[in-house]
Amino acid sequence: MLQVSNTGSLGLVILDACRNNPFAAKMSRSLATRATAGSGLGRIEPVGNVLVAYAARDGTTALDGDGRNSPFAAALLRNIETTGVEVTFMFRNVRDDVMEATRNAQQPFVYGSLSRKAIYLVAAPPADAAATKQANAAPATAALSAPSATAAGAIDPALVGTWEIMVPNGRGQSRWVWRIMADGTYQFHAEPSRAARPHEGTVSFANGRWTLHALRGLRNYNDGGSYEVRGTIAVITGKLGTGYWKRSVE
């Protein structure tokens, strides 16, 4: 922490060492500190432009996994060199990948607070992607334009079609329906309609990652995360957590 605390851009500490302390019992007898008696690592509050990433949040332990790397290290290797992903979003992708791999048994956690300046570990998005992002921030009253090379993303053929998921609400359950088109656009509606606002826009599904930009029906709404297709079930992880879509007969 001392080494990185004086950075002018980004200080980054990554710990894949969230284990039980084998000396906790002995230390608790000699040191009257609450942190020594618990599992995993203690909470930390970094200052300045410093982020500290734990493989598992404070007070919990990380899994070793069955492969060459731990679930956290494997997710970090998949995401840390991705071009055009801001550092905080990179760690969100790592979190989602680990929680999916461990079936929510392990939750990575990032401590610290950065300024509004976007920080990229590899490279910033290309200029055309930035222009697309700005265009997608238009008011919800704007008409849905025809898909273009920058507006519509790549679509995994396995995701093309109509999908549905049942979502609990205060009066039982509502049916959410997603229609994914091969041209990189989507349409969404819920039944009953009061359960969620209908909207449409552009979407991409490729190489296990997805993004969504609403162009009509919702103001400035973007989402994204990971996905996996298992026959007639698609496991979709995004801002709302992990959902299990199934193919609809519509």
Protein backbone atom coordinates (compact mmCIF):
# COMPACT_ATOMS: atom_id res chain seq x y z
CA MET A 1 0.00 0.00 0.00
CA LEU A 2 2.88 2.37 0.76
CA GLN A 3 4.42 1.63 -2.63
CA VAL A 4 1.31 2.60 -4.60
CA SER A 5 -0.24 5.29 -2.37
CA ASN A 6 1.58 8.19 -4.04
CA THR A 7 0.55 7.38 -7.60
CA GLY A 8 -0.84 10.16 -9.75
CA SER A 9 -2.97 7.90 -11.94
CA LEU A 10 -3.84 4.48 -10.51
CA GLY A 11 -2.44 2.40 -7.69
CA LEU A 12 -3.57 -1.21 -7.94
CA VAL A 13 -3.14 -4.05 -5.44
CA ILE A 14 -4.57 -7.48 -6.32
CA LEU A 15 -4.65 -10.21 -3.65
CA ASP A 16 -5.51 -13.80 -4.47
CA ALA A 17 -4.67 -14.82 -0.92
CA CYS A 18 -8.01 -14.87 0.88
CA ARG A 19 -7.35 -17.87 3.11
CA ASN A 20 -7.87 -18.77 6.74
CA ASN A 21 -5.03 -17.62 8.99
CA PRO A 22 -3.36 -20.76 10.41
CA PHE A 23 -2.03 -18.68 13.31
CA ALA A 24 -5.35 -16.99 14.13
CA ALA A 25 -5.91 -18.83 17.42
CA LYS A 26 -2.39 -18.08 18.70
CA MET A 27 -2.56 -14.46 17.57
CA SER A 28 -5.96 -13.86 19.14
CA ARG A 29 -4.54 -14.90 22.50
CA SER A 30 -1.68 -12.42 22.27
CA LEU A 31 -3.30 -9.58 20.26
CA ALA A 32 -6.70 -8.23 21.24
CA THR A 33 -7.76 -7.46 17.67
CA ARG A 34 -10.97 -8.59 16.09
CA ALA A 35 -9.39 -9.01 12.65
CA THR A 36 -7.13 -11.87 13.72
CA ALA A 37 -10.01 -14.12 14.77
CA GLY A 38 -12.03 -14.03 11.57
CA SER A 39 -11.81 -15.90 8.27
CA GLY A 40 -10.16 -14.50 5.17
CA LEU A 41 -8.77 -10.98 4.96
CA GLY A 42 -9.91 -7.90 6.87
CA ARG A 43 -11.63 -4.93 5.27
CA ILE A 44 -9.37 -2.17 3.95
CA GLU A 45 -10.01 1.50 3.17
CA PRO A 46 -7.41 2.73 0.65
CA VAL A 47 -6.95 6.45 0.09
CA GLY A 48 -6.22 8.39 -3.07
CA ASN A 49 -6.46 6.82 -6.52
CA VAL A 50 -5.87 3.31 -5.18
CA LEU A 51 -7.91 0.16 -5.72
CA VAL A 52 -7.43 -3.04 -3.73
CA ALA A 53 -8.98 -6.17 -5.24
CA TYR A 54 -9.62 -9.23 -3.09
CA ALA A 55 -10.28 -12.66 -4.59
CA ALA A 56 -13.04 -12.95 -1.95
CA ARG A 57 -14.60 -10.13 0.02
CA ASP A 58 -13.45 -9.42 3.57
CA GLY A 59 -14.32 -12.08 6.11
CA THR A 60 -14.65 -14.83 3.50
CA THR A 61 -12.22 -17.26 1.91
CA ALA A 62 -11.42 -17.98 -1.74
CA LEU A 63 -11.61 -21.32 -3.56
CA ASP A 64 -8.59 -23.00 -5.12
CA GLY A 65 -10.65 -24.57 -7.94
CA ASP A 66 -9.84 -27.73 -9.89
CA GLY A 67 -7.75 -26.22 -12.68
CA ARG A 68 -4.27 -24.78 -13.00
CA ASN A 69 -5.46 -21.44 -11.64
CA SER A 70 -7.97 -20.45 -9.00
CA PRO A 71 -11.37 -19.20 -10.23
CA PHE A 72 -10.28 -15.63 -9.44
CA ALA A 73 -6.91 -15.90 -11.22
CA ALA A 74 -8.56 -17.54 -14.24
CA ALA A 75 -11.18 -14.77 -14.48
CA LEU A 76 -8.50 -12.11 -14.07
CA LEU A 77 -6.42 -13.59 -16.90
CA ARG A 78 -9.47 -13.62 -19.18
CA ASN A 79 -10.35 -9.99 -18.55
CA ILE A 80 -7.30 -7.94 -17.59
CA GLU A 81 -5.95 -7.52 -21.14
CA THR A 82 -9.29 -6.73 -22.78
CA THR A 83 -9.00 -3.59 -24.88
CA GLY A 84 -11.45 -0.73 -24.29
CA VAL A 85 -12.78 -1.84 -20.87
CA GLU A 86 -12.47 0.68 -18.04
CA VAL A 87 -10.67 -0.75 -14.99
CA THR A 88 -13.69 -0.72 -12.66
CA PHE A 89 -15.80 -2.50 -15.28
CA MET A 90 -12.99 -5.01 -15.79
CA PHE A 91 -13.23 -5.96 -12.13
CA ARG A 92 -17.03 -6.20 -12.44
CA ASN A 93 -16.55 -8.71 -15.25
CA VAL A 94 -14.09 -10.65 -13.08
CA ARG A 95 -16.61 -10.66 -10.22
CA ASP A 96 -19.40 -11.99 -12.42
CA ASP A 97 -17.15 -14.69 -13.94
CA VAL A 98 -16.02 -15.89 -10.50
CA MET A 99 -19.53 -15.94 -9.06
CA GLU A 100 -20.73 -17.90 -12.07
CA ALA A 101 -17.82 -20.36 -11.86
CA THR A 102 -18.31 -20.91 -8.12
CA ARG A 103 -22.13 -20.84 -8.20
CA ASN A 104 -22.14 -17.71 -6.04
CA ALA A 105 -19.94 -19.33 -3.36
CA GLN A 106 -17.17 -16.74 -3.85
CA GLN A 107 -17.59 -13.01 -4.40
CA PRO A 108 -14.53 -10.96 -5.35
CA PHE A 109 -14.52 -7.44 -3.95
CA VAL A 110 -12.79 -4.17 -4.84
CA TYR A 111 -12.05 -1.49 -2.25
CA GLY A 112 -11.26 2.14 -2.99
CA SER A 113 -12.70 5.06 -4.90
CA LEU A 114 -11.43 6.60 -8.12
CA SER A 115 -12.02 9.98 -9.72
CA ARG A 116 -14.36 10.47 -12.67
CA LYS A 117 -11.50 10.04 -15.15
CA ALA A 118 -11.77 6.75 -17.03
CA ILE A 119 -8.71 4.50 -16.64
CA TYR A 120 -7.89 1.72 -19.11
CA LEU A 121 -5.25 -0.91 -18.34
CA VAL A 122 -4.74 -1.78 -22.01
CA ALA A 123 -6.16 0.86 -24.34
CA ALA A 124 -9.16 3.18 -24.59
CA PRO A 125 -12.08 2.24 -26.88
CA PRO A 126 -11.62 3.16 -30.55
CA ALA A 127 -13.10 6.46 -31.71
CA ASP A 128 -16.05 4.79 -33.48
CA ALA A 129 -17.04 2.98 -30.28
CA ALA A 130 -16.98 6.25 -28.35
CA ALA A 131 -19.20 7.83 -31.00
CA THR A 132 -21.64 4.94 -30.73
CA LYS A 133 -21.77 5.32 -26.95
CA GLN A 134 -22.56 9.01 -27.32
CA ALA A 135 -25.27 8.27 -29.89
CA ASN A 136 -26.84 5.69 -27.58
CA ALA A 137 -27.16 8.33 -24.86
CA ALA A 138 -29.79 10.21 -26.91
CA PRO A 139 -33.23 10.83 -25.33
CA ALA A 140 -35.66 7.94 -25.25
CA THR A 141 -37.91 9.73 -27.75
CA ALA A 142 -35.35 9.26 -30.52
CA ALA A 143 -36.39 6.84 -33.24
CA LEU A 144 -34.63 3.49 -33.49
CA SER A 145 -32.30 3.85 -36.44
CA ALA A 146 -31.40 1.14 -38.87
CA PRO A 147 -28.56 -1.08 -37.63
CA SER A 148 -25.08 -0.19 -38.79
CA ALA A 149 -21.59 -1.60 -38.37
CA THR A 150 -21.05 0.40 -35.17
CA ALA A 151 -24.61 0.41 -33.78
CA ALA A 152 -25.32 -3.31 -34.01
CA GLY A 153 -22.94 -5.83 -32.51
CA ALA A 154 -21.92 -9.38 -33.37
CA ILE A 155 -24.56 -11.95 -32.52
CA ASP A 156 -23.82 -15.52 -31.50
CA PRO A 157 -26.22 -17.60 -33.68
CA ALA A 158 -27.13 -19.63 -30.59
CA LEU A 159 -28.78 -16.50 -29.09
CA VAL A 160 -30.88 -15.51 -32.11
CA GLY A 161 -34.56 -16.02 -31.38
CA THR A 162 -37.07 -15.37 -28.62
CA TRP A 163 -36.24 -16.01 -24.97
CA GLU A 164 -38.25 -15.69 -21.78
CA ILE A 165 -37.68 -15.67 -18.03
CA MET A 166 -40.09 -15.63 -15.11
CA VAL A 167 -39.28 -12.82 -12.64
CA PRO A 168 -40.78 -12.59 -9.12
CA ASN A 169 -42.68 -9.43 -8.24
CA GLY A 170 -44.97 -8.21 -5.49
CA ARG A 171 -48.00 -9.97 -6.99
CA GLY A 172 -46.46 -13.27 -8.01
CA GLN A 173 -44.39 -13.54 -11.18
CA SER A 174 -44.09 -11.67 -14.45
CA ARG A 175 -42.91 -13.02 -17.81
CA TRP A 176 -40.05 -11.12 -19.46
CA VAL A 177 -39.59 -11.77 -23.16
CA TRP A 178 -36.47 -10.91 -25.19
CA ARG A 179 -36.38 -11.15 -28.96
CA ILE A 180 -32.79 -11.17 -30.27
CA MET A 181 -32.37 -10.52 -33.99
CA ALA A 182 -29.45 -11.61 -36.15
CA ASP A 183 -28.86 -7.99 -37.26
CA GLY A 184 -27.80 -6.94 -33.75
CA THR A 185 -31.08 -5.44 -32.55
CA TYR A 186 -33.45 -6.59 -29.82
CA GLN A 187 -37.00 -6.05 -28.56
CA PHE A 188 -38.17 -6.51 -24.98
CA HIS A 189 -41.60 -6.63 -23.33
CA ALA A 190 -43.02 -7.92 -20.06
CA GLU A 191 -46.32 -9.60 -19.19
CA PRO A 192 -48.12 -8.04 -17.45
CA SER A 193 -46.94 -4.82 -19.06
CA ARG A 194 -46.75 -2.92 -15.76
CA ALA A 195 -43.97 -5.26 -14.58
CA ALA A 196 -41.29 -3.61 -16.76
CA ARG A 197 -41.17 -1.01 -19.53
CA PRO A 198 -40.91 -2.29 -23.10
CA HIS A 199 -37.79 -1.17 -24.93
CA GLU A 200 -35.60 -1.94 -27.92
CA GLY A 201 -32.13 -1.14 -29.16
CA THR A 202 -28.85 -2.81 -30.10
CA VAL A 203 -27.21 -5.86 -28.54
CA SER A 204 -24.12 -7.99 -29.02
CA PHE A 205 -23.39 -11.58 -27.95
CA ALA A 206 -19.94 -12.94 -28.75
CA ASN A 207 -17.24 -15.03 -27.08
CA GLY A 208 -19.15 -15.33 -23.82
CA ARG A 209 -19.64 -11.57 -23.36
CA TRP A 210 -22.68 -9.41 -24.14
CA THR A 211 -23.62 -5.74 -24.21
CA LEU A 212 -26.94 -3.92 -24.60
CA HIS A 213 -27.82 -0.31 -25.47
CA ALA A 214 -31.46 0.81 -25.31
CA LEU A 215 -32.41 3.25 -28.06
CA ARG A 216 -36.16 3.49 -27.47
CA GLY A 217 -38.28 2.97 -24.36
CA LEU A 218 -35.59 3.54 -21.71
CA ARG A 219 -33.42 6.60 -21.21
CA ASN A 220 -29.64 6.06 -21.29
CA TYR A 221 -29.88 2.39 -20.33
CA ASN A 222 -26.86 0.15 -20.94
CA ASP A 223 -26.11 -3.31 -19.63
CA GLY A 224 -23.63 -6.09 -20.20
CA GLY A 225 -21.89 -9.09 -18.70
CA SER A 226 -21.30 -12.73 -19.47
CA TYR A 227 -23.44 -15.44 -21.06
CA GLU A 228 -23.43 -19.18 -21.62
CA VAL A 229 -25.81 -21.21 -23.79
CA ARG A 230 -26.80 -24.65 -22.50
CA GLY A 231 -29.13 -26.10 -25.10
CA THR A 232 -32.48 -24.36 -24.67
CA ILE A 233 -31.24 -22.41 -21.62
CA ALA A 234 -29.10 -19.27 -21.72
CA VAL A 235 -27.37 -18.24 -18.49
CA ILE A 236 -27.22 -14.42 -18.63
CA THR A 237 -25.27 -12.40 -16.02
CA GLY A 238 -25.64 -8.61 -15.95
CA LYS A 239 -26.63 -5.68 -13.74
CA LEU A 240 -29.60 -7.55 -12.27
CA GLY A 241 -27.58 -10.65 -11.39
CA THR A 242 -27.75 -14.04 -13.10
CA GLY A 243 -30.90 -15.12 -14.93
CA TYR A 244 -31.78 -18.34 -16.74
CA TRP A 245 -33.49 -17.58 -20.05
CA LYS A 246 -35.32 -20.35 -21.86
CA ARG A 247 -36.34 -20.47 -25.49
CA SER A 248 -39.86 -19.21 -26.04
CA VAL A 249 -42.45 -20.69 -28.38
CA GLU A 250 -43.33 -17.21 -29.68
